[in-house]
PDB file of N, CA and C in Angstrom:
ATOM      1  N   MET A   1       0.733  -1.190  -0.011  1.00  0.00           N
ATOM      2  CA  MET A   1      -0.442  -0.115  -0.424  1.00  0.00           C
ATOM      3  C   MET A   1       0.904   1.201   0.211  1.00  0.00           C
ATOM      4  N   ILE A   2       0.161   2.062  -0.674  1.00  0.00           N
ATOM      5  CA  ILE A   2       1.078   3.277  -1.168  1.00  0.00           C
ATOM      6  C   ILE A   2       0.649   4.565   0.568  1.00  0.00           C
ATOM      7  N   ASP A   3       2.083   5.140   1.078  1.00  0.00           N
ATOM      8  CA  ASP A   3       1.803   5.256   2.271  1.00  0.00           C
ATOM      9  C   ASP A   3       1.908   7.316   1.839  1.00  0.00           C
ATOM     10  N   LYS A   4       0.935   7.773   1.955  1.00  0.00           N
ATOM     11  CA  LYS A   4       0.982   9.334   1.050  1.00  0.00           C
ATOM     12  C   LYS A   4       2.046  10.271   2.247  1.00  0.00           C
ATOM     13  N   ASN A   5       1.921  10.037   3.324  1.00  0.00           N
ATOM     14  CA  ASN A   5       3.264  11.172   4.194  1.00  0.00           C
ATOM     15  C   ASN A   5       4.410  10.818   3.543  1.00  0.00           C
ATOM     16  N   GLU A   6       4.646   9.367   3.414  1.00  0.00           N
ATOM     17  CA  GLU A   6       5.786   8.900   2.930  1.00  0.00           C
ATOM     18  C   GLU A   6       5.919   9.807   1.218  1.00  0.00           C
ATOM     19  N   MET A   7       5.314   9.880   0.408  1.00  0.00           N
ATOM     20  CA  MET A   7       5.050  10.062  -0.714  1.00  0.00           C
ATOM     21  C   MET A   7       5.186  12.045  -0.702  1.00  0.00           C
ATOM     22  N   LYS A   8       4.442  12.241   0.541  1.00  0.00           N
ATOM     23  CA  LYS A   8       4.894  13.862   0.588  1.00  0.00           C
ATOM     24  C   LYS A   8       6.098  14.445   1.023  1.00  0.00           C
ATOM     25  N   ARG A   9       6.987  13.512   1.913  1.00  0.00           N
ATOM     26  CA  ARG A   9       8.117  13.719   1.993  1.00  0.00           C
ATOM     27  C   ARG A   9       8.582  13.696   1.143  1.00  0.00           C
ATOM     28  N   LYS A  10       8.841  12.553   0.192  1.00  0.00           N
ATOM     29  CA  LYS A  10       9.482  12.349  -0.392  1.00  0.00           C
ATOM     30  C   LYS A  10       9.546  13.294  -1.835  1.00  0.00           C
ATOM     31  N   TYR A  11       8.554  14.233  -2.049  1.00  0.00           N
ATOM     32  CA  TYR A  11       8.132  15.493  -3.092  1.00  0.00           C
ATOM     33  C   TYR A  11       9.064  16.620  -2.322  1.00  0.00           C
ATOM     34  N   LYS A  12       8.942  16.953  -1.408  1.00  0.00           N
ATOM     35  CA  LYS A  12       8.880  17.819  -0.309  1.00  0.00           C
ATOM     36  C   LYS A  12      11.100  18.272  -0.781  1.00  0.00           C
ATOM     37  N   GLU A  13      11.284  16.955  -0.614  1.00  0.00           N
ATOM     38  CA  GLU A  13      12.883  16.448  -0.683  1.00  0.00           C
ATOM     39  C   GLU A  13      13.384  16.405  -2.202  1.00  0.00           C
ATOM     40  N   THR A  14      12.826  16.457  -2.718  1.00  0.00           N
ATOM     41  CA  THR A  14      12.678  16.716  -4.289  1.00  0.00           C
ATOM     42  C   THR A  14      13.598  17.761  -4.773  1.00  0.00           C
ATOM     43  N   ALA A  15      14.903  17.802  -5.285  1.00  0.00           N
ATOM     44  CA  ALA A  15      15.153  19.480  -5.286  1.00  0.00           C
ATOM     45  C   ALA A  15      15.171  19.710  -7.032  1.00  0.00           C
ATOM     46  N   LEU A  16      13.686  21.392  -6.896  1.00  0.00           N
ATOM     47  CA  LEU A  16      13.367  21.877  -8.548  1.00  0.00           C
ATOM     48  C   LEU A  16      14.342  22.194  -8.901  1.00  0.00           C
ATOM     49  N   PRO A  17      14.635  22.277 -10.116  1.00  0.00           N
ATOM     50  CA  PRO A  17      15.503  23.001 -10.683  1.00  0.00           C
ATOM     51  C   PRO A  17      15.672  24.385 -10.227  1.00  0.00           C
ATOM     52  N   MET A  18      15.943  25.414 -10.366  1.00  0.00           N
ATOM     53  CA  MET A  18      16.759  26.836 -10.315  1.00  0.00           C
ATOM     54  C   MET A  18      17.815  27.009 -10.606  1.00  0.00           C
ATOM     55  N   GLY A  19      17.649  28.663 -10.998  1.00  0.00           N
ATOM     56  CA  GLY A  19      18.248  29.382 -11.899  1.00  0.00           C
ATOM     57  C   GLY A  19      17.811  30.265 -12.263  1.00  0.00           C
ATOM     58  N   ILE A  20      18.655  30.738 -13.678  1.00  0.00           N
ATOM     59  CA  ILE A  20      18.224  31.589 -14.477  1.00  0.00           C
ATOM     60  C   ILE A  20      17.049  31.432 -15.872  1.00  0.00           C
ATOM     61  N   TYR A  21      16.533  32.309 -15.941  1.00  0.00           N
ATOM     62  CA  TYR A  21      15.148  32.127 -17.493  1.00  0.00           C
ATOM     63  C   TYR A  21      15.211  33.407 -18.335  1.00  0.00           C
ATOM     64  N   CYS A  22      14.806  33.152 -19.492  1.00  0.00           N
ATOM     65  CA  CYS A  22      14.196  34.322 -20.288  1.00  0.00           C
ATOM     66  C   CYS A  22      13.200  33.988 -21.384  1.00  0.00           C
ATOM     67  N   VAL A  23      12.751  35.249 -21.222  1.00  0.00           N
ATOM     68  CA  VAL A  23      11.468  35.162 -22.126  1.00  0.00           C
ATOM     69  C   VAL A  23      12.119  36.052 -23.248  1.00  0.00           C
ATOM     70  N   LYS A  24      11.896  35.354 -24.604  1.00  0.00           N
ATOM     71  CA  LYS A  24      12.293  36.381 -25.760  1.00  0.00           C
ATOM     72  C   LYS A  24      11.086  36.718 -26.857  1.00  0.00           C
ATOM     73  N   ASN A  25      11.321  37.720 -27.194  1.00  0.00           N
ATOM     74  CA  ASN A  25      10.225  38.544 -28.059  1.00  0.00           C
ATOM     75  C   ASN A  25      10.893  38.143 -29.171  1.00  0.00           C
ATOM     76  N   LEU A  26      10.361  37.139 -29.991  1.00  0.00           N
ATOM     77  CA  LEU A  26      11.183  36.597 -31.319  1.00  0.00           C
ATOM     78  C   LEU A  26      10.938  37.986 -32.755  1.00  0.00           C
ATOM     79  N   ALA A  27       9.477  38.483 -32.229  1.00  0.00           N
ATOM     80  CA  ALA A  27       9.390  39.592 -33.015  1.00  0.00           C
ATOM     81  C   ALA A  27      10.524  40.923 -33.145  1.00  0.00           C
ATOM     82  N   ASN A  28      10.559  40.963 -32.210  1.00  0.00           N
ATOM     83  CA  ASN A  28      11.973  42.251 -31.850  1.00  0.00           C
ATOM     84  C   ASN A  28      12.889  42.019 -31.207  1.00  0.00           C
ATOM     85  N   GLY A  29      13.000  40.891 -30.423  1.00  0.00           N
ATOM     86  CA  GLY A  29      14.562  40.615 -30.215  1.00  0.00           C
ATOM     87  C   GLY A  29      14.802  40.985 -28.643  1.00  0.00           C
ATOM     88  N   LYS A  30      13.701  41.514 -28.163  1.00  0.00           N
ATOM     89  CA  LYS A  30      13.661  42.231 -26.596  1.00  0.00           C
ATOM     90  C   LYS A  30      13.050  40.829 -25.605  1.00  0.00           C
ATOM     91  N   VAL A  31      14.435  40.822 -24.369  1.00  0.00           N
ATOM     92  CA  VAL A  31      14.187  39.882 -23.799  1.00  0.00           C
ATOM     93  C   VAL A  31      14.126  40.318 -22.509  1.00  0.00           C
ATOM     94  N   PHE A  32      13.343  39.275 -21.164  1.00  0.00           N
ATOM     95  CA  PHE A  32      13.343  39.795 -19.958  1.00  0.00           C
ATOM     96  C   PHE A  32      14.150  38.402 -19.556  1.00  0.00           C
ATOM     97  N   ILE A  33      14.798  38.829 -18.113  1.00  0.00           N
ATOM     98  CA  ILE A  33      15.783  37.715 -17.413  1.00  0.00           C
ATOM     99  C   ILE A  33      15.183  37.878 -15.754  1.00  0.00           C
ATOM    100  N   GLY A  34      14.810  36.764 -15.727  1.00  0.00           N
ATOM    101  CA  GLY A  34      14.780  36.169 -13.929  1.00  0.00           C
ATOM    102  C   GLY A  34      15.381  35.604 -13.483  1.00  0.00           C
ATOM    103  N   LYS A  35      15.272  35.380 -12.132  1.00  0.00           N
ATOM    104  CA  LYS A  35      15.740  34.493 -11.217  1.00  0.00           C
ATOM    105  C   LYS A  35      14.963  33.277 -10.831  1.00  0.00           C
ATOM    106  N   SER A  36      14.847  32.307 -10.009  1.00  0.00           N
ATOM    107  CA  SER A  36      14.070  31.653  -9.526  1.00  0.00           C
ATOM    108  C   SER A  36      14.580  30.334  -9.070  1.00  0.00           C
ATOM    109  N   GLN A  37      13.595  29.933  -7.758  1.00  0.00           N
ATOM    110  CA  GLN A  37      14.445  28.722  -7.254  1.00  0.00           C
ATOM    111  C   GLN A  37      13.438  27.577  -7.517  1.00  0.00           C
ATOM    112  N   ASN A  38      12.596  27.710  -8.633  1.00  0.00           N
ATOM    113  CA  ASN A  38      11.601  26.686  -8.946  1.00  0.00           C
ATOM    114  C   ASN A  38      11.155  27.300 -10.482  1.00  0.00           C
ATOM    115  N   LEU A  39      12.288  26.752 -11.106  1.00  0.00           N
ATOM    116  CA  LEU A  39      12.104  27.506 -12.882  1.00  0.00           C
ATOM    117  C   LEU A  39      10.936  26.850 -12.882  1.00  0.00           C
ATOM    118  N   ASN A  40      10.499  25.640 -13.591  1.00  0.00           N
ATOM    119  CA  ASN A  40       9.313  25.052 -13.889  1.00  0.00           C
ATOM    120  C   ASN A  40       7.985  26.113 -13.544  1.00  0.00           C
ATOM    121  N   GLY A  41       8.102  26.032 -12.476  1.00  0.00           N
ATOM    122  CA  GLY A  41       7.135  27.155 -11.883  1.00  0.00           C
ATOM    123  C   GLY A  41       6.831  28.117 -12.043  1.00  0.00           C
ATOM    124  N   LYS A  42       7.941  28.877 -12.205  1.00  0.00           N
ATOM    125  CA  LYS A  42       8.498  30.486 -12.329  1.00  0.00           C
ATOM    126  C   LYS A  42       7.513  30.171 -13.743  1.00  0.00           C
ATOM    127  N   LEU A  43       8.026  29.537 -15.097  1.00  0.00           N
ATOM    128  CA  LEU A  43       8.227  29.831 -16.259  1.00  0.00           C
ATOM    129  C   LEU A  43       6.394  29.380 -16.608  1.00  0.00           C
ATOM    130  N   ASN A  44       5.837  28.389 -15.511  1.00  0.00           N
ATOM    131  CA  ASN A  44       4.375  28.154 -15.693  1.00  0.00           C
ATOM    132  C   ASN A  44       3.296  29.424 -15.575  1.00  0.00           C
ATOM    133  N   SER A  45       4.143  30.253 -14.514  1.00  0.00           N
ATOM    134  CA  SER A  45       3.264  31.173 -14.133  1.00  0.00           C
ATOM    135  C   SER A  45       3.572  32.237 -14.776  1.00  0.00           C
ATOM    136  N   LEU A  46       4.733  32.779 -15.263  1.00  0.00           N
ATOM    137  CA  LEU A  46       4.804  33.910 -16.345  1.00  0.00           C
ATOM    138  C   LEU A  46       3.920  33.220 -17.490  1.00  0.00           C
ATOM    139  N   LYS A  47       3.716  32.519 -17.980  1.00  0.00           N
ATOM    140  CA  LYS A  47       3.109  32.143 -19.334  1.00  0.00           C
ATOM    141  C   LYS A  47       1.379  32.309 -18.724  1.00  0.00           C
ATOM    142  N   PHE A  48       0.856  31.612 -18.085  1.00  0.00           N
ATOM    143  CA  PHE A  48      -0.536  32.026 -17.246  1.00  0.00           C
ATOM    144  C   PHE A  48      -0.749  33.224 -17.026  1.00  0.00           C
ATOM    145  N   GLN A  49      -0.058  34.210 -16.550  1.00  0.00           N
ATOM    146  CA  GLN A  49      -0.337  35.689 -16.173  1.00  0.00           C
ATOM    147  C   GLN A  49      -0.530  36.395 -17.743  1.00  0.00           C
ATOM    148  N   LEU A  50       0.962  36.457 -18.541  1.00  0.00           N
ATOM    149  CA  LEU A  50       0.985  36.642 -20.153  1.00  0.00           C
ATOM    150  C   LEU A  50      -0.496  36.297 -20.891  1.00  0.00           C
ATOM    151  N   GLU A  51      -0.926  35.199 -20.290  1.00  0.00           N
ATOM    152  CA  GLU A  51      -1.985  34.702 -21.501  1.00  0.00           C
ATOM    153  C   GLU A  51      -3.170  35.451 -20.921  1.00  0.00           C
ATOM    154  N   HIS A  52      -3.345  35.638 -19.370  1.00  0.00           N
ATOM    155  CA  HIS A  52      -4.338  36.390 -18.686  1.00  0.00           C
ATOM    156  C   HIS A  52      -4.255  38.015 -18.604  1.00  0.00           C
ATOM    157  N   GLY A  53      -3.290  38.628 -19.392  1.00  0.00           N
ATOM    158  CA  GLY A  53      -2.988  39.751 -19.160  1.00  0.00           C
ATOM    159  C   GLY A  53      -2.358  40.278 -17.509  1.00  0.00           C
ATOM    160  N   SER A  54      -2.234  39.639 -17.041  1.00  0.00           N
ATOM    161  CA  SER A  54      -1.964  40.018 -15.829  1.00  0.00           C
ATOM    162  C   SER A  54      -0.555  39.638 -14.972  1.00  0.00           C
ATOM    163  N   SER A  55       0.357  40.224 -16.462  1.00  0.00           N
ATOM    164  CA  SER A  55       2.180  40.256 -15.975  1.00  0.00           C
ATOM    165  C   SER A  55       2.204  42.085 -15.332  1.00  0.00           C
ATOM    166  N   VAL A  56       2.987  42.000 -14.403  1.00  0.00           N
ATOM    167  CA  VAL A  56       3.268  42.962 -13.837  1.00  0.00           C
ATOM    168  C   VAL A  56       4.709  43.759 -14.520  1.00  0.00           C
ATOM    169  N   VAL A  57       5.125  42.624 -15.614  1.00  0.00           N
ATOM    170  CA  VAL A  57       6.007  43.690 -16.791  1.00  0.00           C
ATOM    171  C   VAL A  57       5.492  44.042 -17.558  1.00  0.00           C
ATOM    172  N   LYS A  58       4.872  45.422 -17.377  1.00  0.00           N
ATOM    173  CA  LYS A  58       3.699  46.135 -18.405  1.00  0.00           C
ATOM    174  C   LYS A  58       4.097  46.344 -19.724  1.00  0.00           C
ATOM    175  N   GLU A  59       5.602  46.544 -20.202  1.00  0.00           N
ATOM    176  CA  GLU A  59       6.202  46.434 -21.474  1.00  0.00           C
ATOM    177  C   GLU A  59       5.807  45.417 -22.226  1.00  0.00           C
ATOM    178  N   LEU A  60       6.503  43.630 -21.662  1.00  0.00           N
ATOM    179  CA  LEU A  60       5.925  42.932 -21.593  1.00  0.00           C
ATOM    180  C   LEU A  60       4.639  42.259 -22.189  1.00  0.00           C
ATOM    181  N   GLN A  61       3.854  42.565 -21.288  1.00  0.00           N
ATOM    182  CA  GLN A  61       2.757  42.239 -21.104  1.00  0.00           C
ATOM    183  C   GLN A  61       1.809  42.909 -22.429  1.00  0.00           C
ATOM    184  N   ALA A  62       2.236  44.208 -23.044  1.00  0.00           N
ATOM    185  CA  ALA A  62       2.174  45.151 -24.317  1.00  0.00           C
ATOM    186  C   ALA A  62       2.284  44.266 -25.371  1.00  0.00           C
ATOM    187  N   ASP A  63       3.594  44.218 -25.495  1.00  0.00           N
ATOM    188  CA  ASP A  63       4.173  43.062 -26.644  1.00  0.00           C
ATOM    189  C   ASP A  63       3.371  41.524 -26.443  1.00  0.00           C
ATOM    190  N   PHE A  64       3.484  40.711 -25.428  1.00  0.00           N
ATOM    191  CA  PHE A  64       2.816  39.753 -26.124  1.00  0.00           C
ATOM    192  C   PHE A  64       1.459  39.558 -26.534  1.00  0.00           C
ATOM    193  N   ASN A  65       1.045  41.038 -25.885  1.00  0.00           N
ATOM    194  CA  ASN A  65      -0.920  41.033 -26.357  1.00  0.00           C
ATOM    195  C   ASN A  65      -0.548  42.151 -27.829  1.00  0.00           C
ATOM    196  N   LYS A  66       0.196  42.605 -28.281  1.00  0.00           N
ATOM    197  CA  LYS A  66       0.941  43.112 -29.638  1.00  0.00           C
ATOM    198  C   LYS A  66       0.531  41.642 -30.750  1.00  0.00           C
ATOM    199  N   TYR A  67       1.963  41.074 -30.482  1.00  0.00           N
ATOM    200  CA  TYR A  67       2.459  39.997 -31.515  1.00  0.00           C
ATOM    201  C   TYR A  67       1.974  38.465 -31.293  1.00  0.00           C
ATOM    202  N   GLY A  68       1.401  38.240 -29.893  1.00  0.00           N
ATOM    203  CA  GLY A  68       0.922  37.089 -29.423  1.00  0.00           C
ATOM    204  C   GLY A  68       1.837  36.218 -29.533  1.00  0.00           C
ATOM    205  N   ALA A  69       1.282  34.802 -28.665  1.00  0.00           N
ATOM    206  CA  ALA A  69       1.768  33.902 -27.330  1.00  0.00           C
ATOM    207  C   ALA A  69       3.280  33.416 -28.718  1.00  0.00           C
ATOM    208  N   ALA A  70       2.541  33.004 -30.024  1.00  0.00           N
ATOM    209  CA  ALA A  70       3.555  32.267 -31.141  1.00  0.00           C
ATOM    210  C   ALA A  70       4.547  33.204 -31.216  1.00  0.00           C
ATOM    211  N   ASN A  71       4.925  34.037 -30.694  1.00  0.00           N
ATOM    212  CA  ASN A  71       6.253  34.697 -30.860  1.00  0.00           C
ATOM    213  C   ASN A  71       6.869  35.147 -29.805  1.00  0.00           C
ATOM    214  N   PHE A  72       6.823  34.086 -29.128  1.00  0.00           N
ATOM    215  CA  PHE A  72       7.686  34.233 -27.644  1.00  0.00           C
ATOM    216  C   PHE A  72       8.069  33.103 -27.330  1.00  0.00           C
ATOM    217  N   GLU A  73       9.345  32.895 -26.424  1.00  0.00           N
ATOM    218  CA  GLU A  73      10.128  31.948 -26.243  1.00  0.00           C
ATOM    219  C   GLU A  73      10.468  31.922 -25.016  1.00  0.00           C
ATOM    220  N   PHE A  74      10.349  30.844 -23.732  1.00  0.00           N
ATOM    221  CA  PHE A  74      10.724  31.118 -22.707  1.00  0.00           C
ATOM    222  C   PHE A  74      11.467  29.765 -22.301  1.00  0.00           C
ATOM    223  N   LYS A  75      13.017  30.018 -21.781  1.00  0.00           N
ATOM    224  CA  LYS A  75      13.659  29.074 -21.691  1.00  0.00           C
ATOM    225  C   LYS A  75      15.127  29.380 -20.541  1.00  0.00           C
ATOM    226  N   ILE A  76      15.382  28.610 -20.233  1.00  0.00           N
ATOM    227  CA  ILE A  76      16.289  28.046 -19.433  1.00  0.00           C
ATOM    228  C   ILE A  76      17.514  28.580 -19.760  1.00  0.00           C
ATOM    229  N   LEU A  77      18.412  29.600 -18.813  1.00  0.00           N
ATOM    230  CA  LEU A  77      19.731  30.134 -19.488  1.00  0.00           C
ATOM    231  C   LEU A  77      20.984  29.291 -18.630  1.00  0.00           C
ATOM    232  N   ASP A  78      20.500  29.381 -16.857  1.00  0.00           N
ATOM    233  CA  ASP A  78      21.614  28.811 -16.228  1.00  0.00           C
ATOM    234  C   ASP A  78      20.871  27.816 -15.249  1.00  0.00           C
ATOM    235  N   LEU A  79      21.555  26.866 -14.762  1.00  0.00           N
ATOM    236  CA  LEU A  79      21.118  26.132 -13.696  1.00  0.00           C
ATOM    237  C   LEU A  79      21.659  26.410 -12.220  1.00  0.00           C
ATOM    238  N   LEU A  80      21.679  26.324 -11.369  1.00  0.00           N
ATOM    239  CA  LEU A  80      22.067  26.349 -10.251  1.00  0.00           C
ATOM    240  C   LEU A  80      21.687  25.388  -9.245  1.00  0.00           C
ATOM    241  N   GLU A  81      23.151  24.355  -9.450  1.00  0.00           N
ATOM    242  CA  GLU A  81      22.757  22.758  -8.878  1.00  0.00           C
ATOM    243  C   GLU A  81      22.771  22.989  -7.113  1.00  0.00           C
ATOM    244  N   PRO A  82      21.910  22.526  -6.821  1.00  0.00           N
ATOM    245  CA  PRO A  82      21.797  21.963  -5.278  1.00  0.00           C
ATOM    246  C   PRO A  82      22.682  21.729  -4.313  1.00  0.00           C
ATOM    247  N   LYS A  83      23.089  21.975  -3.252  1.00  0.00           N
ATOM    248  CA  LYS A  83      24.061  21.448  -2.330  1.00  0.00           C
ATOM    249  C   LYS A  83      23.834  20.630  -1.773  1.00  0.00           C
ATOM    250  N   ASP A  84      24.510  19.602  -0.749  1.00  0.00           N
ATOM    251  CA  ASP A  84      24.629  18.710  -0.181  1.00  0.00           C
ATOM    252  C   ASP A  84      23.496  19.514   1.004  1.00  0.00           C
ATOM    253  N   GLY A  85      22.453  19.016   1.481  1.00  0.00           N
ATOM    254  CA  GLY A  85      21.634  19.260   2.433  1.00  0.00           C
ATOM    255  C   GLY A  85      20.176  20.301   2.223  1.00  0.00           C
ATOM    256  N   ALA A  86      19.169  19.862   2.780  1.00  0.00           N
ATOM    257  CA  ALA A  86      18.207  20.060   2.290  1.00  0.00           C
ATOM    258  C   ALA A  86      17.661  21.753   2.591  1.00  0.00           C
ATOM    259  N   ASN A  87      18.413  22.108   3.399  1.00  0.00           N
ATOM    260  CA  ASN A  87      17.870  23.554   4.022  1.00  0.00           C
ATOM    261  C   ASN A  87      18.694  24.632   3.502  1.00  0.00           C
ATOM    262  N   ASN A  88      19.336  24.383   2.015  1.00  0.00           N
ATOM    263  CA  ASN A  88      20.005  25.577   1.840  1.00  0.00           C
ATOM    264  C   ASN A  88      19.483  26.957   1.231  1.00  0.00           C
ATOM    265  N   ASP A  89      19.924  28.531   1.511  1.00  0.00           N
ATOM    266  CA  ASP A  89      19.516  29.780   0.965  1.00  0.00           C
ATOM    267  C   ASP A  89      20.195  29.921  -0.229  1.00  0.00           C
ATOM    268  N   TYR A  90      19.440  29.558  -1.221  1.00  0.00           N
ATOM    269  CA  TYR A  90      20.436  29.809  -2.667  1.00  0.00           C
ATOM    270  C   TYR A  90      20.096  31.317  -3.254  1.00  0.00           C
ATOM    271  N   ASP A  91      19.511  32.120  -2.503  1.00  0.00           N
ATOM    272  CA  ASP A  91      18.611  33.190  -2.942  1.00  0.00           C
ATOM    273  C   ASP A  91      20.132  34.135  -3.326  1.00  0.00           C
ATOM    274  N   GLU A  92      21.023  34.194  -1.993  1.00  0.00           N
ATOM    275  CA  GLU A  92      22.180  35.096  -2.703  1.00  0.00           C
ATOM    276  C   GLU A  92      22.732  34.931  -3.809  1.00  0.00           C
ATOM    277  N   GLU A  93      23.204  33.255  -4.113  1.00  0.00           N
ATOM    278  CA  GLU A  93      23.709  32.708  -5.263  1.00  0.00           C
ATOM    279  C   GLU A  93      22.470  33.296  -6.693  1.00  0.00           C
ATOM    280  N   LEU A  94      21.679  32.855  -6.549  1.00  0.00           N
ATOM    281  CA  LEU A  94      21.077  33.382  -7.705  1.00  0.00           C
ATOM    282  C   LEU A  94      20.838  34.299  -8.007  1.00  0.00           C
ATOM    283  N   LYS A  95      20.869  35.515  -6.971  1.00  0.00           N
ATOM    284  CA  LYS A  95      21.037  37.103  -7.521  1.00  0.00           C
ATOM    285  C   LYS A  95      22.217  37.330  -8.022  1.00  0.00           C
ATOM    286  N   VAL A  96      23.405  36.783  -7.619  1.00  0.00           N
ATOM    287  CA  VAL A  96      24.562  37.105  -8.692  1.00  0.00           C
ATOM    288  C   VAL A  96      24.689  35.804  -9.948  1.00  0.00           C
ATOM    289  N   LEU A  97      24.230  35.039  -9.373  1.00  0.00           N
ATOM    290  CA  LEU A  97      24.422  34.556 -11.155  1.00  0.00           C
ATOM    291  C   LEU A  97      23.128  35.652 -12.011  1.00  0.00           C
ATOM    292  N   GLU A  98      22.206  35.880 -11.684  1.00  0.00           N
ATOM    293  CA  GLU A  98      21.130  36.536 -11.847  1.00  0.00           C
ATOM    294  C   GLU A  98      21.896  38.237 -12.929  1.00  0.00           C
ATOM    295  N   GLN A  99      22.710  38.765 -12.072  1.00  0.00           N
ATOM    296  CA  GLN A  99      23.396  39.502 -12.024  1.00  0.00           C
ATOM    297  C   GLN A  99      24.413  39.598 -13.674  1.00  0.00           C
ATOM    298  N   MET A 100      24.954  38.483 -13.783  1.00  0.00           N
ATOM    299  CA  MET A 100      26.164  38.161 -14.227  1.00  0.00           C
ATOM    300  C   MET A 100      25.135  38.005 -16.074  1.00  0.00           C
ATOM    301  N   TRP A 101      24.214  37.864 -15.787  1.00  0.00           N
ATOM    302  CA  TRP A 101      22.830  37.836 -17.343  1.00  0.00           C
ATOM    303  C   TRP A 101      22.857  38.859 -17.542  1.00  0.00           C
ATOM    304  N   LEU A 102      22.980  39.940 -16.698  1.00  0.00           N
ATOM    305  CA  LEU A 102      22.163  41.139 -17.023  1.00  0.00           C
ATOM    306  C   LEU A 102      23.055  41.891 -17.235  1.00  0.00           C
ATOM    307  N   ASP A 103      24.656  41.885 -16.657  1.00  0.00           N
ATOM    308  CA  ASP A 103      25.340  42.280 -17.092  1.00  0.00           C
ATOM    309  C   ASP A 103      25.760  41.738 -18.750  1.00  0.00           C
ATOM    310  N   ASP A 104      25.658  40.645 -18.824  1.00  0.00           N
ATOM    311  CA  ASP A 104      26.083  40.142 -20.051  1.00  0.00           C
ATOM    312  C   ASP A 104      25.446  40.992 -21.170  1.00  0.00           C
ATOM    313  N   LEU A 105      24.082  40.408 -20.715  1.00  0.00           N
ATOM    314  CA  LEU A 105      22.826  40.413 -22.113  1.00  0.00           C
ATOM    315  C   LEU A 105      22.609  42.228 -22.200  1.00  0.00           C
ATOM    316  N   GLU A 106      22.329  42.392 -20.947  1.00  0.00           N
ATOM    317  CA  GLU A 106      22.085  44.385 -21.133  1.00  0.00           C
ATOM    318  C   GLU A 106      20.399  44.050 -21.638  1.00  0.00           C
ATOM    319  N   PRO A 107      19.466  43.656 -20.894  1.00  0.00           N
ATOM    320  CA  PRO A 107      17.887  43.331 -21.624  1.00  0.00           C
ATOM    321  C   PRO A 107      17.535  44.794 -21.408  1.00  0.00           C
ATOM    322  N   PHE A 108      17.871  46.161 -21.025  1.00  0.00           N
ATOM    323  CA  PHE A 108      17.341  47.095 -20.455  1.00  0.00           C
ATOM    324  C   PHE A 108      17.000  47.940 -22.105  1.00  0.00           C
ATOM    325  N   ASN A 109      16.068  48.770 -21.842  1.00  0.00           N
ATOM    326  CA  ASN A 109      15.122  49.713 -22.475  1.00  0.00           C
ATOM    327  C   ASN A 109      15.062  49.518 -24.030  1.00  0.00           C
ATOM    328  N   GLU A 110      15.922  49.630 -25.034  1.00  0.00           N
ATOM    329  CA  GLU A 110      14.965  49.236 -26.283  1.00  0.00           C
ATOM    330  C   GLU A 110      15.462  47.434 -26.582  1.00  0.00           C
ATOM    331  N   LYS A 111      16.786  47.049 -25.614  1.00  0.00           N
ATOM    332  CA  LYS A 111      17.321  45.742 -25.616  1.00  0.00           C
ATOM    333  C   LYS A 111      16.087  44.761 -24.761  1.00  0.00           C
ATOM    334  N   GLY A 112      15.464  45.529 -23.663  1.00  0.00           N
ATOM    335  CA  GLY A 112      14.618  44.529 -23.187  1.00  0.00           C
ATOM    336  C   GLY A 112      13.894  44.641 -22.228  1.00  0.00           C
ATOM    337  N   TYR A 113      13.297  43.948 -21.420  1.00  0.00           N
ATOM    338  CA  TYR A 113      12.224  44.684 -20.557  1.00  0.00           C
ATOM    339  C   TYR A 113      12.920  44.574 -18.988  1.00  0.00           C
ATOM    340  N   ASN A 114      13.806  44.123 -18.903  1.00  0.00           N
ATOM    341  CA  ASN A 114      14.273  44.521 -17.827  1.00  0.00           C
ATOM    342  C   ASN A 114      14.676  46.307 -16.967  1.00  0.00           C
ATOM    343  N   THR A 115      14.323  46.594 -15.860  1.00  0.00           N
ATOM    344  CA  THR A 115      15.155  47.638 -15.551  1.00  0.00           C
ATOM    345  C   THR A 115      16.046  47.358 -14.450  1.00  0.00           C
ATOM    346  N   LYS A 116      16.850  48.484 -14.784  1.00  0.00           N
ATOM    347  CA  LYS A 116      18.443  48.789 -14.084  1.00  0.00           C
ATOM    348  C   LYS A 116      17.762  49.046 -12.547  1.00  0.00           C
ATOM    349  N   LYS A 117      18.412  48.231 -11.829  1.00  0.00           N
ATOM    350  CA  LYS A 117      18.335  48.575 -10.358  1.00  0.00           C
ATOM    351  C   LYS A 117      19.130  49.938  -9.729  1.00  0.00           C
ATOM    352  N   ILE A 118      19.374  50.502  -9.391  1.00  0.00           N
ATOM    353  CA  ILE A 118      19.813  51.243  -8.771  1.00  0.00           C
ATOM    354  C   ILE A 118      20.362  51.157  -7.112  1.00  0.00           C
ATOM    355  N   LEU A 119      21.930  50.957  -7.198  1.00  0.00           N
ATOM    356  CA  LEU A 119      22.122  50.539  -5.316  1.00  0.00           C
ATOM    357  C   LEU A 119      22.825  51.727  -5.274  1.00  0.00           C
ATOM    358  N   PHE A 120      21.683  51.751  -3.827  1.00  0.00           N
ATOM    359  CA  PHE A 120      22.230  53.293  -3.099  1.00  0.00           C
ATOM    360  C   PHE A 120      23.181  52.502  -1.908  1.00  0.00           C
ATOM    361  N   LEU A 121      24.645  53.552  -1.971  1.00  0.00           N
ATOM    362  CA  LEU A 121      25.724  53.282  -0.654  1.00  0.00           C
ATOM    363  C   LEU A 121      25.569  53.997   0.378  1.00  0.00           C
TER     364      LEU A 121
END
């Protein structure tokens, strides 16, 4: 017989793919770069939001409405491998990895949908 509690425990211990993702507008080449500790869930959420007109990235939403879903590509750019131990916090590592991709692709203004973050010292 299947033990539901054991199944839940195993599911919670399963490492979800985490890393950097990209949404690319194939019509104009603009991209949006982001990070997530659950890439599959995040990409599904983004697709759902865009399809239902509820994305918080207004320019991306406007272009999605204009060009249609067929002109957008959702992909994983970089994976962050989990370390041993179930309770690691990967937020800082993901921030660094995301910043590397932002520095490389510069998805700002006419090249993308990201906004530059201003750091105050």
